[in-house]
Amino acid sequence: MFYQNKSYTEMTTRVAKSSKESSKPPKCKNNSKIAKKEKRCKGTNRSKEVEITRSKELQIASSTSLLQRLYGTCKDVFRSEGVADLHLSDVQALAHILDSMVPEDVGLCPEIKFFNPAAAFEGVPRVGYTSLYECKKFSLCIFFLPTNAVIPLHNHPGMTVFSKLLIGTMHVKAYDWVDQAESEDSSTPPSKFRLAKLKANGILSAPCDTSVLYPTSGGNIHEFRAVTPCAILDVIGPPYSLEEGRDSTYYNDIPYSALPKARKGSLINEEEAESYGWLEEIEMPNEAVMYGVHYMGPEIIETAP
């Protein structure tokens, strides 16, 4: 548009020069003023368009800043491939960002029907899953649980997992294996059972602090059960890998007192019994089969190493 205005000015100037013999002076000056005025108007409109575009860009940048910061911090924290043991400062840095995140940071809001009731299997609600980002060092994903849906009791071998409940209320149960020092005086339980200590057994409601589990502590074996529709943002490092031996195993949990033969000779007294349980390895249950959800939230801009 700017160049069209310039051509118009040159054209009117040429017309004025060809009319020098006219008794009345040509009105090229007025035409030039009109052209300049049009330039100013169109220039002003263009400036407004630029301002609006810039404003939208800033809004987009603002809405994605926490997610992009999360990605950048993950790159820094999970620097080495296959390493799950993190420094306390790294854990705190990631947890701090996740604690600040809200559903809108990943394109969600409580009103969105983000689960698919039709995906139920034999009356059991199915869990949805979407991937935000994945590489060999870490992954970012969201789980969508309709009411009463369950992510069955499972482990995370060699992984550190940050879980941020963005929407809803859920019941969490988590165990860690009892170490050798605690069980050396106990009689050996049947081979299909293994003693574990209960680390969490309660209700979480959003907004809440980020939960962190480690390769051998923090409730590495856990179960989520939705009380209301839930959305959970997970940061997993390193991610699941069949080739590298990081695949989930599923379990049934049995109260400690339910196996009297297994607990014969145990040093765990009756008062402590409720804090322990026997875990039995099982095949992958139907509830663990998830359906894929296309991610529609803000884009993560991948940066150079």
Protein backbone atom coordinates (compact mmCIF):
# COMPACT_ATOMS: atom_id res chain seq x y z
CA MET A 1 0.00 0.00 0.00
CA PHE A 2 2.83 2.43 0.74
CA TYR A 3 4.27 2.02 -2.75
CA GLN A 4 0.88 2.59 -4.34
CA ASN A 5 0.67 5.95 -2.58
CA LYS A 6 4.13 6.93 -3.86
CA SER A 7 3.15 6.14 -7.48
CA TYR A 8 0.01 8.20 -7.13
CA THR A 9 2.04 11.25 -5.99
CA GLU A 10 4.48 10.98 -8.91
CA MET A 11 1.60 10.66 -11.35
CA THR A 12 -0.14 13.84 -10.14
CA THR A 13 3.17 15.74 -10.25
CA ARG A 14 3.66 14.79 -13.92
CA VAL A 15 0.15 15.98 -14.72
CA ALA A 16 0.93 19.34 -13.07
CA LYS A 17 4.13 19.85 -15.12
CA SER A 18 2.30 19.23 -18.39
CA SER A 19 -0.22 21.98 -17.52
CA LYS A 20 2.19 24.93 -17.01
CA GLU A 21 0.53 26.96 -19.82
CA SER A 22 -2.81 26.88 -18.06
CA SER A 23 -3.99 30.22 -16.69
CA LYS A 24 -4.83 28.59 -13.41
CA PRO A 25 -2.07 26.94 -11.46
CA PRO A 26 -2.43 23.19 -11.26
CA LYS A 27 -3.65 21.68 -8.03
CA CYS A 28 -0.74 19.26 -7.75
CA LYS A 29 0.11 20.70 -4.32
CA ASN A 30 -3.34 19.80 -3.02
CA ASN A 31 -3.04 16.37 -4.59
CA SER A 32 0.31 15.90 -2.86
CA LYS A 33 -1.28 16.86 0.43
CA ILE A 34 -4.04 14.33 -0.15
CA ALA A 35 -1.46 11.66 -0.99
CA LYS A 36 0.56 12.51 2.13
CA LYS A 37 -2.60 12.39 4.23
CA GLU A 38 -3.45 8.97 2.78
CA LYS A 39 0.06 7.82 3.56
CA ARG A 40 -0.29 9.00 7.14
CA CYS A 41 -3.68 7.33 7.53
CA LYS A 42 -2.55 4.08 6.01
CA GLY A 43 0.68 4.28 7.96
CA THR A 44 -1.33 4.75 11.15
CA ASN A 45 -3.55 1.78 10.30
CA ARG A 46 -0.48 -0.32 9.58
CA SER A 47 1.01 0.70 12.95
CA LYS A 48 -2.20 -0.33 14.68
CA GLU A 49 -2.11 -3.71 12.88
CA VAL A 50 1.49 -4.19 13.98
CA GLU A 51 0.56 -3.29 17.56
CA ILE A 52 -2.35 -5.74 17.53
CA THR A 53 -0.16 -8.50 16.06
CA ARG A 54 2.56 -7.80 18.62
CA SER A 55 -0.01 -7.83 21.41
CA LYS A 56 -1.26 -11.25 20.27
CA GLU A 57 2.31 -12.53 20.11
CA LEU A 58 2.94 -11.34 23.65
CA GLN A 59 -0.27 -13.01 24.83
CA ILE A 60 0.76 -16.28 23.19
CA ALA A 61 4.26 -16.02 24.63
CA SER A 62 2.80 -15.32 28.07
CA SER A 63 0.41 -18.29 27.92
CA THR A 64 3.17 -20.68 26.87
CA SER A 65 5.97 -19.30 29.02
CA LEU A 66 5.56 -21.73 31.92
CA LEU A 67 5.32 -24.75 29.61
CA GLN A 68 8.35 -23.58 27.65
CA ARG A 69 10.22 -22.94 30.91
CA LEU A 70 9.28 -26.44 32.06
CA TYR A 71 10.72 -27.89 28.87
CA GLY A 72 13.91 -25.86 29.23
CA THR A 73 14.36 -26.87 32.87
CA CYS A 74 13.79 -30.53 31.98
CA LYS A 75 16.56 -30.27 29.38
CA ASP A 76 18.88 -28.90 32.04
CA VAL A 77 17.85 -31.31 34.81
CA PHE A 78 17.92 -34.47 32.68
CA ARG A 79 21.23 -33.61 31.05
CA SER A 80 22.54 -37.16 30.85
CA GLU A 81 20.66 -39.89 29.03
CA GLY A 82 19.35 -42.68 31.26
CA VAL A 83 20.17 -40.95 34.58
CA ALA A 84 17.33 -40.73 37.11
CA ASP A 85 19.20 -39.74 40.29
CA LEU A 86 18.75 -35.99 40.52
CA HIS A 87 20.30 -33.37 42.76
CA LEU A 88 17.95 -31.79 45.30
CA SER A 89 18.34 -28.41 43.62
CA ASP A 90 17.22 -29.92 40.30
CA VAL A 91 14.16 -31.51 41.91
CA GLN A 92 13.25 -28.22 43.56
CA ALA A 93 13.66 -26.29 40.30
CA LEU A 94 11.29 -28.58 38.38
CA ALA A 95 8.79 -28.84 41.23
CA HIS A 96 8.72 -25.05 41.58
CA ILE A 97 7.65 -24.61 37.94
CA LEU A 98 5.08 -27.40 38.10
CA ASP A 99 3.64 -25.99 41.34
CA SER A 100 2.97 -22.74 39.47
CA MET A 101 1.22 -24.36 36.51
CA VAL A 102 -2.53 -24.24 35.96
CA PRO A 103 -4.73 -26.07 33.41
CA GLU A 104 -4.63 -23.14 30.98
CA ASP A 105 -0.84 -23.51 30.66
CA VAL A 106 -1.44 -26.71 28.68
CA GLY A 107 -4.63 -25.59 26.93
CA LEU A 108 -7.13 -27.03 29.43
CA CYS A 109 -9.88 -25.64 31.61
CA PRO A 110 -12.20 -27.41 34.08
CA GLU A 111 -15.19 -26.95 31.75
CA ILE A 112 -13.62 -28.89 28.87
CA LYS A 113 -14.93 -32.43 28.45
CA PHE A 114 -11.45 -33.81 28.00
CA PHE A 115 -12.31 -37.50 28.39
CA ASN A 116 -14.22 -39.89 26.21
CA PRO A 117 -16.99 -41.83 28.02
CA ALA A 118 -17.39 -44.01 24.91
CA ALA A 119 -13.89 -45.37 25.53
CA ALA A 120 -15.08 -47.40 28.55
CA PHE A 121 -14.20 -51.10 28.50
CA GLU A 122 -16.86 -53.44 29.94
CA GLY A 123 -18.25 -50.57 31.98
CA VAL A 124 -14.84 -49.49 33.31
CA PRO A 125 -13.96 -45.88 32.36
CA ARG A 126 -10.83 -45.64 30.23
CA VAL A 127 -7.93 -43.31 30.90
CA GLY A 128 -6.86 -40.96 28.11
CA TYR A 129 -3.27 -40.06 27.37
CA THR A 130 -1.55 -37.34 25.37
CA SER A 131 2.13 -36.66 24.80
CA LEU A 132 3.39 -33.06 24.92
CA TYR A 133 7.04 -33.90 24.28
CA GLU A 134 9.36 -36.91 24.37
CA CYS A 135 13.04 -37.53 23.81
CA LYS A 136 15.52 -40.14 25.07
CA LYS A 137 16.11 -38.18 28.27
CA PHE A 138 12.61 -37.20 29.43
CA SER A 139 8.96 -37.02 28.48
CA LEU A 140 6.03 -34.71 29.22
CA CYS A 141 2.52 -36.13 29.12
CA ILE A 142 -1.00 -35.66 30.47
CA PHE A 143 -3.36 -38.36 31.75
CA PHE A 144 -7.12 -37.78 31.60
CA LEU A 145 -9.19 -39.75 34.10
CA PRO A 146 -13.00 -39.67 34.07
CA THR A 147 -14.76 -40.26 37.38
CA ASN A 148 -13.95 -43.74 38.82
CA ALA A 149 -11.20 -44.37 36.27
CA VAL A 150 -8.06 -46.04 37.62
CA ILE A 151 -4.39 -46.11 36.69
CA PRO A 152 -3.65 -49.46 38.36
CA LEU A 153 -0.83 -50.05 40.85
CA HIS A 154 2.42 -50.05 38.86
CA ASN A 155 6.11 -49.23 39.24
CA HIS A 156 8.61 -46.90 37.53
CA PRO A 157 11.92 -48.79 37.34
CA GLY A 158 14.93 -46.49 37.26
CA MET A 159 12.81 -43.35 36.81
CA THR A 160 12.09 -40.10 38.59
CA VAL A 161 8.50 -38.93 38.07
CA PHE A 162 6.94 -35.54 38.82
CA SER A 163 3.12 -35.59 38.92
CA LYS A 164 1.09 -32.38 38.96
CA LEU A 165 -2.67 -32.70 39.45
CA LEU A 166 -4.10 -29.90 37.30
CA ILE A 167 -7.82 -30.64 37.53
CA GLY A 168 -9.98 -32.72 39.85
CA THR A 169 -9.76 -34.91 42.94
CA MET A 170 -8.16 -38.34 43.10
CA HIS A 171 -7.14 -41.01 45.58
CA VAL A 172 -3.46 -41.90 45.60
CA LYS A 173 -1.92 -45.07 47.01
CA ALA A 174 1.84 -45.56 46.83
CA TYR A 175 4.41 -48.08 48.09
CA ASP A 176 8.16 -48.55 48.23
CA TRP A 177 9.87 -51.92 48.56
CA VAL A 178 11.07 -52.78 52.05
CA ASP A 179 14.87 -52.82 51.99
CA GLN A 180 16.99 -55.73 53.16
CA ALA A 181 17.75 -54.22 56.56
CA GLU A 182 14.05 -54.04 57.44
CA SER A 183 13.23 -57.55 56.27
CA GLU A 184 16.32 -59.60 57.11
CA ASP A 185 14.71 -61.10 60.22
CA SER A 186 11.40 -61.80 58.54
CA SER A 187 10.55 -65.18 57.16
CA THR A 188 10.70 -65.32 53.38
CA PRO A 189 7.19 -64.82 51.93
CA PRO A 190 5.91 -66.86 49.03
CA SER A 191 7.88 -66.01 45.88
CA LYS A 192 4.96 -64.27 44.20
CA PHE A 193 4.58 -61.84 47.11
CA ARG A 194 6.96 -59.08 48.13
CA LEU A 195 6.83 -56.85 51.18
CA ALA A 196 6.32 -53.14 50.60
CA LYS A 197 5.82 -50.14 52.84
CA LEU A 198 2.86 -47.82 52.31
CA LYS A 199 4.09 -44.29 51.56
CA ALA A 200 0.81 -42.58 50.62
CA ASN A 201 -2.86 -43.44 50.96
CA GLY A 202 -5.09 -40.41 50.69
CA ILE A 203 -6.94 -37.81 48.67
CA LEU A 204 -5.41 -35.08 46.50
CA SER A 205 -7.41 -32.17 45.10
CA ALA A 206 -6.25 -29.54 42.62
CA PRO A 207 -4.63 -27.13 43.12
CA CYS A 208 -1.96 -28.95 45.12
CA ASP A 209 1.80 -29.38 45.31
CA THR A 210 3.67 -31.57 42.85
CA SER A 211 4.30 -35.18 43.89
CA VAL A 212 7.76 -36.62 43.22
CA LEU A 213 8.76 -40.27 43.20
CA TYR A 214 12.28 -41.62 42.80
CA PRO A 215 13.75 -44.91 41.51
CA THR A 216 13.79 -46.50 44.99
CA SER A 217 11.78 -44.12 47.19
CA GLY A 218 8.98 -41.59 47.35
CA GLY A 219 6.29 -44.13 46.47
CA ASN A 220 7.73 -45.54 43.24
CA ILE A 221 4.84 -48.02 43.01
CA HIS A 222 1.59 -46.08 42.84
CA GLU A 223 -2.08 -46.11 41.88
CA PHE A 224 -4.38 -43.23 40.90
CA ARG A 225 -8.16 -43.46 41.24
CA ALA A 226 -10.31 -40.54 40.08
CA VAL A 227 -12.95 -39.25 42.50
CA THR A 228 -13.92 -36.56 39.99
CA PRO A 229 -12.68 -36.01 36.40
CA CYS A 230 -8.92 -35.44 36.63
CA ALA A 231 -6.04 -34.22 34.49
CA ILE A 232 -2.49 -35.07 35.60
CA LEU A 233 0.64 -33.60 34.07
CA ASP A 234 3.64 -35.95 34.35
CA VAL A 235 7.33 -35.30 33.83
CA ILE A 236 9.19 -38.62 33.51
CA GLY A 237 12.94 -38.93 33.35
CA PRO A 238 14.25 -41.02 31.81
CA PRO A 239 11.10 -42.14 29.94
CA TYR A 240 9.78 -45.66 29.59
CA SER A 241 11.95 -47.86 27.37
CA LEU A 242 11.55 -51.57 26.72
CA GLU A 243 15.03 -51.74 25.23
CA GLU A 244 16.60 -50.28 28.36
CA GLY A 245 14.50 -52.27 30.83
CA ARG A 246 12.18 -49.46 31.90
CA ASP A 247 8.73 -50.97 31.54
CA SER A 248 5.94 -50.98 34.09
CA THR A 249 5.06 -54.01 36.17
CA TYR A 250 1.56 -54.20 37.67
CA TYR A 251 0.59 -55.41 41.14
CA ASN A 252 -2.23 -56.38 43.45
CA ASP A 253 -1.76 -55.23 47.01
CA ILE A 254 -2.72 -57.44 49.93
CA PRO A 255 -2.93 -56.28 53.57
CA TYR A 256 0.08 -57.30 55.62
CA SER A 257 -2.06 -59.14 58.17
CA ALA A 258 -3.82 -61.21 55.46
CA LEU A 259 -0.83 -63.56 55.04
CA PRO A 260 -0.05 -64.94 58.49
CA LYS A 261 2.37 -67.56 57.16
CA ALA A 262 4.37 -64.93 55.30
CA ARG A 263 4.66 -62.72 58.35
CA LYS A 264 5.82 -65.49 60.68
CA GLY A 265 8.93 -64.30 62.50
CA SER A 266 8.54 -60.74 61.23
CA LEU A 267 9.76 -57.87 63.41
CA ILE A 268 6.85 -55.73 62.25
CA ASN A 269 4.41 -55.40 65.13
CA GLU A 270 0.64 -55.14 64.94
CA GLU A 271 0.66 -51.35 65.33
CA GLU A 272 2.86 -50.98 62.25
CA ALA A 273 1.05 -53.62 60.20
CA GLU A 274 -1.30 -51.14 58.51
CA SER A 275 1.73 -49.36 57.04
CA TYR A 276 2.85 -52.46 55.13
CA GLY A 277 1.44 -54.71 52.44
CA TRP A 278 2.30 -57.64 50.21
CA LEU A 279 2.49 -56.89 46.50
CA GLU A 280 1.69 -59.60 44.00
CA GLU A 281 2.88 -59.20 40.42
CA ILE A 282 0.06 -59.54 37.88
CA GLU A 283 -0.51 -59.28 34.15
CA MET A 284 -1.34 -55.87 32.75
CA PRO A 285 -4.99 -55.25 33.75
CA ASN A 286 -7.64 -53.99 31.33
CA GLU A 287 -7.82 -50.68 33.20
CA ALA A 288 -4.23 -49.97 32.20
CA VAL A 289 -5.08 -49.87 28.48
CA MET A 290 -5.37 -46.18 27.54
CA TYR A 291 -6.68 -44.37 24.50
CA GLY A 292 -4.75 -41.62 22.74
CA VAL A 293 -5.80 -37.98 22.84
CA HIS A 294 -4.51 -35.43 20.32
CA TYR A 295 -2.72 -32.61 22.14
CA MET A 296 -4.29 -29.24 21.32
CA GLY A 297 -2.47 -27.03 23.80
CA PRO A 298 0.41 -24.56 23.39
CA GLU A 299 3.31 -25.77 21.31
CA ILE A 300 6.67 -26.52 22.87
CA ILE A 301 9.42 -24.88 20.84
CA GLU A 302 12.32 -27.31 20.70
CA THR A 303 15.68 -25.65 21.26
CA ALA A 304 19.22 -26.67 20.43
CA PRO A 305 21.14 -28.76 23.01
